[in-house]
């Protein structure tokens, strides 16, 4: 279930142009990478790093997805972000 911030973000990404979609996707992936890189104790997450690398390599294809697929992809990435922020605890707050 999406929280309020995810619903607002989903609304904000609907109907974007291709370049705007690419920018949104890059920003989300960059933030996920920052969260991954700042894990306590220098923990490495090879599966997540691989996923983020794959998303970066596929930015054009993902940005060109139809509206329903685009919305689903963004929703999943925002859910991943919310989970990572939750796991990082109150010490890590991103805007």
PDB file of N, CA and C in Angstrom:
ATOM      1  N   UNK A   1       0.837  -1.181   0.000  1.00  0.00           N
ATOM      2  CA  UNK A   1       0.000   0.000   0.000  1.00  0.00           C
ATOM      3  C   UNK A   1       0.885   1.249   0.000  1.00  0.00           C
ATOM      4  N   UNK A   2       0.568   2.202  -0.842  1.00  0.00           N
ATOM      5  CA  UNK A   2       1.358   3.421  -0.945  1.00  0.00           C
ATOM      6  C   UNK A   2       1.020   4.366   0.200  1.00  0.00           C
ATOM      7  N   UNK A   3       2.042   5.022   0.730  1.00  0.00           N
ATOM      8  CA  UNK A   3       1.789   6.062   1.715  1.00  0.00           C
ATOM      9  C   UNK A   3       1.492   7.367   0.989  1.00  0.00           C
ATOM     10  N   UNK A   4       1.176   8.415   1.751  1.00  0.00           N
ATOM     11  CA  UNK A   4       0.780   9.693   1.168  1.00  0.00           C
ATOM     12  C   UNK A   4       1.845  10.269   0.244  1.00  0.00           C
ATOM     13  N   UNK A   5       3.129  10.207   0.645  1.00  0.00           N
ATOM     14  CA  UNK A   5       4.186  10.777  -0.185  1.00  0.00           C
ATOM     15  C   UNK A   5       4.340  10.019  -1.495  1.00  0.00           C
ATOM     16  N   UNK A   6       4.119   8.707  -1.474  1.00  0.00           N
ATOM     17  CA  UNK A   6       4.213   7.928  -2.705  1.00  0.00           C
ATOM     18  C   UNK A   6       3.058   8.261  -3.641  1.00  0.00           C
ATOM     19  N   UNK A   7       1.847   8.457  -3.102  1.00  0.00           N
ATOM     20  CA  UNK A   7       0.703   8.817  -3.946  1.00  0.00           C
ATOM     21  C   UNK A   7       0.954  10.159  -4.607  1.00  0.00           C
ATOM     22  N   UNK A   8       1.477  11.122  -3.844  1.00  0.00           N
ATOM     23  CA  UNK A   8       1.783  12.433  -4.417  1.00  0.00           C
ATOM     24  C   UNK A   8       2.842  12.304  -5.501  1.00  0.00           C
ATOM     25  N   UNK A   9       3.863  11.481  -5.259  1.00  0.00           N
ATOM     26  CA  UNK A   9       4.923  11.298  -6.249  1.00  0.00           C
ATOM     27  C   UNK A   9       4.374  10.638  -7.499  1.00  0.00           C
ATOM     28  N   UNK A  10       3.471   9.659  -7.340  1.00  0.00           N
ATOM     29  CA  UNK A  10       2.892   8.992  -8.504  1.00  0.00           C
ATOM     30  C   UNK A  10       2.107   9.982  -9.350  1.00  0.00           C
ATOM     31  N   UNK A  11       1.364  10.855  -8.694  1.00  0.00           N
ATOM     32  CA  UNK A  11       0.612  11.870  -9.423  1.00  0.00           C
ATOM     33  C   UNK A  11       1.568  12.803 -10.144  1.00  0.00           C
ATOM     34  N   UNK A  12       2.663  13.153  -9.485  1.00  0.00           N
ATOM     35  CA  UNK A  12       3.621  14.103 -10.045  1.00  0.00           C
ATOM     36  C   UNK A  12       4.353  13.550 -11.263  1.00  0.00           C
ATOM     37  N   UNK A  13       4.470  12.228 -11.389  1.00  0.00           N
ATOM     38  CA  UNK A  13       5.211  11.661 -12.508  1.00  0.00           C
ATOM     39  C   UNK A  13       4.305  11.241 -13.662  1.00  0.00           C
ATOM     40  N   UNK A  14       3.013  11.386 -13.511  1.00  0.00           N
ATOM     41  CA  UNK A  14       2.089  11.028 -14.591  1.00  0.00           C
ATOM     42  C   UNK A  14       2.151  12.074 -15.695  1.00  0.00           C
ATOM     43  N   UNK A  15       2.140  11.609 -16.945  1.00  0.00           N
ATOM     44  CA  UNK A  15       2.078  12.503 -18.085  1.00  0.00           C
ATOM     45  C   UNK A  15       3.356  13.260 -18.401  1.00  0.00           C
ATOM     46  N   UNK A  16       4.493  12.793 -17.909  1.00  0.00           N
ATOM     47  CA  UNK A  16       5.762  13.469 -18.182  1.00  0.00           C
ATOM     48  C   UNK A  16       6.265  13.154 -19.587  1.00  0.00           C
ATOM     49  N   UNK A  17       7.049  14.061 -20.116  1.00  0.00           N
ATOM     50  CA  UNK A  17       7.703  13.826 -21.404  1.00  0.00           C
ATOM     51  C   UNK A  17       8.814  12.791 -21.223  1.00  0.00           C
ATOM     52  N   UNK A  18       9.308  12.272 -22.318  1.00  0.00           N
ATOM     53  CA  UNK A  18      10.385  11.279 -22.281  1.00  0.00           C
ATOM     54  C   UNK A  18      11.622  11.805 -21.545  1.00  0.00           C
ATOM     55  N   UNK A  19      12.118  13.010 -21.875  1.00  0.00           N
ATOM     56  CA  UNK A  19      13.295  13.514 -21.141  1.00  0.00           C
ATOM     57  C   UNK A  19      13.017  13.712 -19.654  1.00  0.00           C
ATOM     58  N   UNK A  20      11.810  14.166 -19.320  1.00  0.00           N
ATOM     59  CA  UNK A  20      11.465  14.339 -17.909  1.00  0.00           C
ATOM     60  C   UNK A  20      11.424  13.005 -17.186  1.00  0.00           C
ATOM     61  N   UNK A  21      10.899  11.991 -17.846  1.00  0.00           N
ATOM     62  CA  UNK A  21      10.883  10.651 -17.255  1.00  0.00           C
ATOM     63  C   UNK A  21      12.313  10.166 -16.993  1.00  0.00           C
ATOM     64  N   UNK A  22      13.197  10.393 -17.952  1.00  0.00           N
ATOM     65  CA  UNK A  22      14.591   9.995 -17.757  1.00  0.00           C
ATOM     66  C   UNK A  22      15.189  10.704 -16.543  1.00  0.00           C
ATOM     67  N   UNK A  23      14.921  11.976 -16.403  1.00  0.00           N
ATOM     68  CA  UNK A  23      15.445  12.741 -15.269  1.00  0.00           C
ATOM     69  C   UNK A  23      14.889  12.230 -13.944  1.00  0.00           C
ATOM     70  N   UNK A  24      13.589  11.963 -13.900  1.00  0.00           N
ATOM     71  CA  UNK A  24      12.965  11.441 -12.682  1.00  0.00           C
ATOM     72  C   UNK A  24      13.600  10.108 -12.313  1.00  0.00           C
ATOM     73  N   UNK A  25      13.740   9.244 -13.289  1.00  0.00           N
ATOM     74  CA  UNK A  25      14.317   7.922 -13.042  1.00  0.00           C
ATOM     75  C   UNK A  25      15.757   8.037 -12.547  1.00  0.00           C
ATOM     76  N   UNK A  26      16.535   8.888 -13.172  1.00  0.00           N
ATOM     77  CA  UNK A  26      17.925   9.079 -12.729  1.00  0.00           C
ATOM     78  C   UNK A  26      17.993   9.588 -11.293  1.00  0.00           C
ATOM     79  N   UNK A  27      17.125  10.531 -10.957  1.00  0.00           N
ATOM     80  CA  UNK A  27      17.122  11.081  -9.590  1.00  0.00           C
ATOM     81  C   UNK A  27      16.771  10.021  -8.561  1.00  0.00           C
ATOM     82  N   UNK A  28      15.769   9.196  -8.869  1.00  0.00           N
ATOM     83  CA  UNK A  28      15.380   8.134  -7.936  1.00  0.00           C
ATOM     84  C   UNK A  28      16.517   7.138  -7.781  1.00  0.00           C
ATOM     85  N   UNK A  29      17.113   6.724  -8.888  1.00  0.00           N
ATOM     86  CA  UNK A  29      18.209   5.748  -8.835  1.00  0.00           C
ATOM     87  C   UNK A  29      19.416   6.342  -8.105  1.00  0.00           C
ATOM     88  N   UNK A  30      19.707   7.605  -8.337  1.00  0.00           N
ATOM     89  CA  UNK A  30      20.818   8.244  -7.624  1.00  0.00           C
ATOM     90  C   UNK A  30      20.563   8.250  -6.118  1.00  0.00           C
ATOM     91  N   UNK A  31      19.335   8.556  -5.733  1.00  0.00           N
ATOM     92  CA  UNK A  31      19.016   8.552  -4.304  1.00  0.00           C
ATOM     93  C   UNK A  31      19.107   7.143  -3.726  1.00  0.00           C
ATOM     94  N   UNK A  32      18.631   6.154  -4.457  1.00  0.00           N
ATOM     95  CA  UNK A  32      18.759   4.768  -3.991  1.00  0.00           C
ATOM     96  C   UNK A  32      20.229   4.381  -3.849  1.00  0.00           C
ATOM     97  N   UNK A  33      21.056   4.820  -4.797  1.00  0.00           N
ATOM     98  CA  UNK A  33      22.487   4.527  -4.719  1.00  0.00           C
ATOM     99  C   UNK A  33      23.107   5.201  -3.496  1.00  0.00           C
ATOM    100  N   UNK A  34      22.718   6.438  -3.233  1.00  0.00           N
ATOM    101  CA  UNK A  34      23.219   7.139  -2.045  1.00  0.00           C
ATOM    102  C   UNK A  34      22.834   6.396  -0.772  1.00  0.00           C
ATOM    103  N   UNK A  35      21.590   5.933  -0.713  1.00  0.00           N
ATOM    104  CA  UNK A  35      21.146   5.171   0.456  1.00  0.00           C
ATOM    105  C   UNK A  35      21.944   3.889   0.609  1.00  0.00           C
ATOM    106  N   UNK A  36      22.192   3.235  -0.507  1.00  0.00           N
ATOM    107  CA  UNK A  36      22.962   1.993  -0.497  1.00  0.00           C
ATOM    108  C   UNK A  36      24.400   2.259  -0.054  1.00  0.00           C
ATOM    109  N   UNK A  37      24.996   3.300  -0.593  1.00  0.00           N
ATOM    110  CA  UNK A  37      26.389   3.622  -0.289  1.00  0.00           C
ATOM    111  C   UNK A  37      26.592   4.092   1.146  1.00  0.00           C
ATOM    112  N   UNK A  38      25.546   4.650   1.749  1.00  0.00           N
ATOM    113  CA  UNK A  38      25.674   5.163   3.106  1.00  0.00           C
ATOM    114  C   UNK A  38      25.196   4.167   4.158  1.00  0.00           C
ATOM    115  N   UNK A  39      25.095   2.903   3.781  1.00  0.00           N
ATOM    116  CA  UNK A  39      24.662   1.877   4.729  1.00  0.00           C
ATOM    117  C   UNK A  39      25.608   1.830   5.919  1.00  0.00           C
ATOM    118  N   UNK A  40      25.051   1.627   7.115  1.00  0.00           N
ATOM    119  CA  UNK A  40      25.896   1.576   8.313  1.00  0.00           C
ATOM    120  C   UNK A  40      26.953   0.483   8.217  1.00  0.00           C
ATOM    121  N   UNK A  41      28.122   0.805   8.714  1.00  0.00           N
ATOM    122  CA  UNK A  41      29.194  -0.188   8.740  1.00  0.00           C
ATOM    123  C   UNK A  41      29.752  -0.532   7.380  1.00  0.00           C
ATOM    124  N   UNK A  42      29.416   0.258   6.369  1.00  0.00           N
ATOM    125  CA  UNK A  42      29.948  -0.004   5.037  1.00  0.00           C
ATOM    126  C   UNK A  42      29.431  -1.290   4.410  1.00  0.00           C
ATOM    127  N   UNK A  43      28.234  -1.728   4.841  1.00  0.00           N
ATOM    128  CA  UNK A  43      27.660  -2.953   4.271  1.00  0.00           C
ATOM    129  C   UNK A  43      27.492  -2.795   2.767  1.00  0.00           C
ATOM    130  N   UNK A  44      27.862  -3.809   2.030  1.00  0.00           N
ATOM    131  CA  UNK A  44      27.682  -3.785   0.576  1.00  0.00           C
ATOM    132  C   UNK A  44      26.448  -4.589   0.223  1.00  0.00           C
ATOM    133  N   UNK A  45      25.760  -4.163  -0.749  1.00  0.00           N
ATOM    134  CA  UNK A  45      24.549  -4.831  -1.204  1.00  0.00           C
ATOM    135  C   UNK A  45      24.703  -5.119  -2.698  1.00  0.00           C
ATOM    136  N   UNK A  46      25.387  -6.217  -3.027  1.00  0.00           N
ATOM    137  CA  UNK A  46      25.673  -6.478  -4.448  1.00  0.00           C
ATOM    138  C   UNK A  46      24.427  -6.634  -5.307  1.00  0.00           C
ATOM    139  N   UNK A  47      23.372  -7.242  -4.778  1.00  0.00           N
ATOM    140  CA  UNK A  47      22.156  -7.417  -5.580  1.00  0.00           C
ATOM    141  C   UNK A  47      21.522  -6.061  -5.887  1.00  0.00           C
ATOM    142  N   UNK A  48      21.472  -5.197  -4.900  1.00  0.00           N
ATOM    143  CA  UNK A  48      20.900  -3.868  -5.108  1.00  0.00           C
ATOM    144  C   UNK A  48      21.771  -3.049  -6.050  1.00  0.00           C
ATOM    145  N   UNK A  49      23.080  -3.120  -5.877  1.00  0.00           N
ATOM    146  CA  UNK A  49      23.980  -2.402  -6.792  1.00  0.00           C
ATOM    147  C   UNK A  49      23.801  -2.882  -8.227  1.00  0.00           C
ATOM    148  N   UNK A  50      23.636  -4.173  -8.396  1.00  0.00           N
ATOM    149  CA  UNK A  50      23.410  -4.730  -9.729  1.00  0.00           C
ATOM    150  C   UNK A  50      22.083  -4.245 -10.311  1.00  0.00           C
ATOM    151  N   UNK A  51      21.048  -4.226  -9.477  1.00  0.00           N
ATOM    152  CA  UNK A  51      19.746  -3.732  -9.926  1.00  0.00           C
ATOM    153  C   UNK A  51      19.841  -2.274 -10.362  1.00  0.00           C
ATOM    154  N   UNK A  52      20.485  -1.450  -9.551  1.00  0.00           N
ATOM    155  CA  UNK A  52      20.608  -0.036  -9.886  1.00  0.00           C
ATOM    156  C   UNK A  52      21.421   0.175 -11.159  1.00  0.00           C
ATOM    157  N   UNK A  53      22.470  -0.626 -11.332  1.00  0.00           N
ATOM    158  CA  UNK A  53      23.266  -0.555 -12.565  1.00  0.00           C
ATOM    159  C   UNK A  53      22.396  -0.911 -13.775  1.00  0.00           C
ATOM    160  N   UNK A  54      21.586  -1.945 -13.637  1.00  0.00           N
ATOM    161  CA  UNK A  54      20.715  -2.380 -14.733  1.00  0.00           C
ATOM    162  C   UNK A  54      19.682  -1.306 -15.063  1.00  0.00           C
ATOM    163  N   UNK A  55      19.118  -0.690 -14.039  1.00  0.00           N
ATOM    164  CA  UNK A  55      18.139   0.377 -14.276  1.00  0.00           C
ATOM    165  C   UNK A  55      18.805   1.548 -14.985  1.00  0.00           C
ATOM    166  N   UNK A  56      20.008   1.921 -14.546  1.00  0.00           N
ATOM    167  CA  UNK A  56      20.729   3.020 -15.215  1.00  0.00           C
ATOM    168  C   UNK A  56      20.973   2.702 -16.687  1.00  0.00           C
ATOM    169  N   UNK A  57      21.370   1.468 -16.959  1.00  0.00           N
ATOM    170  CA  UNK A  57      21.654   1.059 -18.341  1.00  0.00           C
ATOM    171  C   UNK A  57      20.381   1.006 -19.191  1.00  0.00           C
ATOM    172  N   UNK A  58      19.238   0.908 -18.540  1.00  0.00           N
ATOM    173  CA  UNK A  58      17.959   0.774 -19.256  1.00  0.00           C
ATOM    174  C   UNK A  58      17.084   2.014 -19.140  1.00  0.00           C
ATOM    175  N   UNK A  59      17.650   3.124 -18.747  1.00  0.00           N
ATOM    176  CA  UNK A  59      16.862   4.334 -18.501  1.00  0.00           C
ATOM    177  C   UNK A  59      16.001   4.707 -19.708  1.00  0.00           C
ATOM    178  N   UNK A  60      16.560   4.667 -20.886  1.00  0.00           N
ATOM    179  CA  UNK A  60      15.800   5.024 -22.089  1.00  0.00           C
ATOM    180  C   UNK A  60      14.626   4.102 -22.322  1.00  0.00           C
ATOM    181  N   UNK A  61      14.846   2.807 -22.153  1.00  0.00           N
ATOM    182  CA  UNK A  61      13.757   1.848 -22.343  1.00  0.00           C
ATOM    183  C   UNK A  61      12.669   2.022 -21.294  1.00  0.00           C
ATOM    184  N   UNK A  62      13.082   2.216 -20.049  1.00  0.00           N
ATOM    185  CA  UNK A  62      12.105   2.378 -18.970  1.00  0.00           C
ATOM    186  C   UNK A  62      11.324   3.680 -19.168  1.00  0.00           C
ATOM    187  N   UNK A  63      12.018   4.746 -19.507  1.00  0.00           N
ATOM    188  CA  UNK A  63      11.347   6.041 -19.709  1.00  0.00           C
ATOM    189  C   UNK A  63      10.364   5.977 -20.878  1.00  0.00           C
ATOM    190  N   UNK A  64      10.592   5.080 -21.820  1.00  0.00           N
ATOM    191  CA  UNK A  64       9.715   4.944 -22.975  1.00  0.00           C
ATOM    192  C   UNK A  64       8.566   3.981 -22.772  1.00  0.00           C
ATOM    193  N   UNK A  65       8.440   3.434 -21.572  1.00  0.00           N
ATOM    194  CA  UNK A  65       7.367   2.472 -21.302  1.00  0.00           C
ATOM    195  C   UNK A  65       6.010   3.156 -21.387  1.00  0.00           C
ATOM    196  N   UNK A  66       4.966   2.356 -21.637  1.00  0.00           N
ATOM    197  CA  UNK A  66       3.626   2.945 -21.648  1.00  0.00           C
ATOM    198  C   UNK A  66       3.283   3.443 -20.246  1.00  0.00           C
ATOM    199  N   UNK A  67       2.268   4.261 -20.159  1.00  0.00           N
ATOM    200  CA  UNK A  67       1.925   4.954 -18.912  1.00  0.00           C
ATOM    201  C   UNK A  67       1.706   3.988 -17.741  1.00  0.00           C
ATOM    202  N   UNK A  68       1.006   2.883 -17.979  1.00  0.00           N
ATOM    203  CA  UNK A  68       0.751   1.929 -16.890  1.00  0.00           C
ATOM    204  C   UNK A  68       2.040   1.288 -16.389  1.00  0.00           C
ATOM    205  N   UNK A  69       2.896   0.862 -17.294  1.00  0.00           N
ATOM    206  CA  UNK A  69       4.174   0.264 -16.898  1.00  0.00           C
ATOM    207  C   UNK A  69       5.047   1.294 -16.183  1.00  0.00           C
ATOM    208  N   UNK A  70       5.100   2.496 -16.707  1.00  0.00           N
ATOM    209  CA  UNK A  70       5.877   3.568 -16.093  1.00  0.00           C
ATOM    210  C   UNK A  70       5.410   3.794 -14.656  1.00  0.00           C
ATOM    211  N   UNK A  71       4.099   3.914 -14.473  1.00  0.00           N
ATOM    212  CA  UNK A  71       3.558   4.125 -13.127  1.00  0.00           C
ATOM    213  C   UNK A  71       3.925   2.986 -12.189  1.00  0.00           C
ATOM    214  N   UNK A  72       3.836   1.747 -12.686  1.00  0.00           N
ATOM    215  CA  UNK A  72       4.177   0.581 -11.865  1.00  0.00           C
ATOM    216  C   UNK A  72       5.653   0.585 -11.477  1.00  0.00           C
ATOM    217  N   UNK A  73       6.511   0.911 -12.429  1.00  0.00           N
ATOM    218  CA  UNK A  73       7.953   0.929 -12.160  1.00  0.00           C
ATOM    219  C   UNK A  73       8.283   1.997 -11.122  1.00  0.00           C
ATOM    220  N   UNK A  74       7.738   3.177 -11.297  1.00  0.00           N
ATOM    221  CA  UNK A  74       8.000   4.264 -10.352  1.00  0.00           C
ATOM    222  C   UNK A  74       7.446   3.913  -8.977  1.00  0.00           C
ATOM    223  N   UNK A  75       6.272   3.340  -8.923  1.00  0.00           N
ATOM    224  CA  UNK A  75       5.688   2.934  -7.645  1.00  0.00           C
ATOM    225  C   UNK A  75       6.595   1.942  -6.914  1.00  0.00           C
ATOM    226  N   UNK A  76       7.126   0.975  -7.644  1.00  0.00           N
ATOM    227  CA  UNK A  76       8.015  -0.019  -7.033  1.00  0.00           C
ATOM    228  C   UNK A  76       9.322   0.616  -6.555  1.00  0.00           C
ATOM    229  N   UNK A  77       9.883   1.520  -7.354  1.00  0.00           N
ATOM    230  CA  UNK A  77      11.123   2.185  -6.947  1.00  0.00           C
ATOM    231  C   UNK A  77      10.899   3.074  -5.722  1.00  0.00           C
ATOM    232  N   UNK A  78       9.752   3.733  -5.663  1.00  0.00           N
ATOM    233  CA  UNK A  78       9.454   4.559  -4.496  1.00  0.00           C
ATOM    234  C   UNK A  78       9.210   3.698  -3.258  1.00  0.00           C
ATOM    235  N   UNK A  79       8.622   2.521  -3.451  1.00  0.00           N
ATOM    236  CA  UNK A  79       8.443   1.604  -2.326  1.00  0.00           C
ATOM    237  C   UNK A  79       9.799   1.109  -1.829  1.00  0.00           C
ATOM    238  N   UNK A  80      10.705   0.814  -2.746  1.00  0.00           N
ATOM    239  CA  UNK A  80      12.058   0.410  -2.369  1.00  0.00           C
ATOM    240  C   UNK A  80      12.736   1.536  -1.599  1.00  0.00           C
ATOM    241  N   UNK A  81      12.597   2.765  -2.073  1.00  0.00           N
ATOM    242  CA  UNK A  81      13.166   3.927  -1.395  1.00  0.00           C
ATOM    243  C   UNK A  81      12.598   4.058   0.012  1.00  0.00           C
ATOM    244  N   UNK A  82      11.284   3.924   0.154  1.00  0.00           N
ATOM    245  CA  UNK A  82      10.647   4.038   1.469  1.00  0.00           C
ATOM    246  C   UNK A  82      11.155   2.953   2.410  1.00  0.00           C
ATOM    247  N   UNK A  83      11.315   1.751   1.911  1.00  0.00           N
ATOM    248  CA  UNK A  83      11.823   0.647   2.729  1.00  0.00           C
ATOM    249  C   UNK A  83      13.252   0.917   3.162  1.00  0.00           C
ATOM    250  N   UNK A  84      14.078   1.381   2.238  1.00  0.00           N
ATOM    251  CA  UNK A  84      15.469   1.671   2.573  1.00  0.00           C
ATOM    252  C   UNK A  84      15.564   2.801   3.591  1.00  0.00           C
ATOM    253  N   UNK A  85      14.730   3.823   3.445  1.00  0.00           N
ATOM    254  CA  UNK A  85      14.723   4.917   4.412  1.00  0.00           C
ATOM    255  C   UNK A  85      14.283   4.420   5.784  1.00  0.00           C
ATOM    256  N   UNK A  86      13.286   3.553   5.794  1.00  0.00           N
ATOM    257  CA  UNK A  86      12.815   2.983   7.055  1.00  0.00           C
ATOM    258  C   UNK A  86      13.919   2.171   7.723  1.00  0.00           C
ATOM    259  N   UNK A  87      14.621   1.364   6.941  1.00  0.00           N
ATOM    260  CA  UNK A  87      15.694   0.545   7.488  1.00  0.00           C
ATOM    261  C   UNK A  87      16.878   1.387   7.960  1.00  0.00           C
ATOM    262  N   UNK A  88      17.097   2.516   7.296  1.00  0.00           N
ATOM    263  CA  UNK A  88      18.191   3.399   7.677  1.00  0.00           C
ATOM    264  C   UNK A  88      17.899   4.107   8.990  1.00  0.00           C
ATOM    265  N   UNK A  89      16.624   4.193   9.352  1.00  0.00           N
ATOM    266  CA  UNK A  89      16.254   4.803  10.618  1.00  0.00           C
ATOM    267  C   UNK A  89      16.192   6.304  10.551  1.00  0.00           C
ATOM    268  N   UNK A  90      15.928   6.923  11.701  1.00  0.00           N
ATOM    269  CA  UNK A  90      15.742   8.371  11.738  1.00  0.00           C
ATOM    270  C   UNK A  90      16.996   9.182  11.460  1.00  0.00           C
ATOM    271  N   UNK A  91      18.146   8.542  11.502  1.00  0.00           N
ATOM    272  CA  UNK A  91      19.399   9.275  11.249  1.00  0.00           C
ATOM    273  C   UNK A  91      19.501   9.700   9.789  1.00  0.00           C
ATOM    274  N   UNK A  92      18.783   9.021   8.901  1.00  0.00           N
ATOM    275  CA  UNK A  92      18.876   9.314   7.464  1.00  0.00           C
ATOM    276  C   UNK A  92      17.547   9.850   6.971  1.00  0.00           C
ATOM    277  N   UNK A  93      17.478  11.132   6.680  1.00  0.00           N
ATOM    278  CA  UNK A  93      16.261  11.729   6.159  1.00  0.00           C
ATOM    279  C   UNK A  93      16.600  12.381   4.825  1.00  0.00           C
ATOM    280  N   UNK A  94      15.901  11.949   3.764  1.00  0.00           N
ATOM    281  CA  UNK A  94      16.133  12.504   2.426  1.00  0.00           C
ATOM    282  C   UNK A  94      14.883  13.246   1.980  1.00  0.00           C
ATOM    283  N   UNK A  95      15.074  14.235   1.156  1.00  0.00           N
ATOM    284  CA  UNK A  95      13.938  15.010   0.631  1.00  0.00           C
ATOM    285  C   UNK A  95      13.881  14.855  -0.844  1.00  0.00           C
TER     286      UNK A  95
END
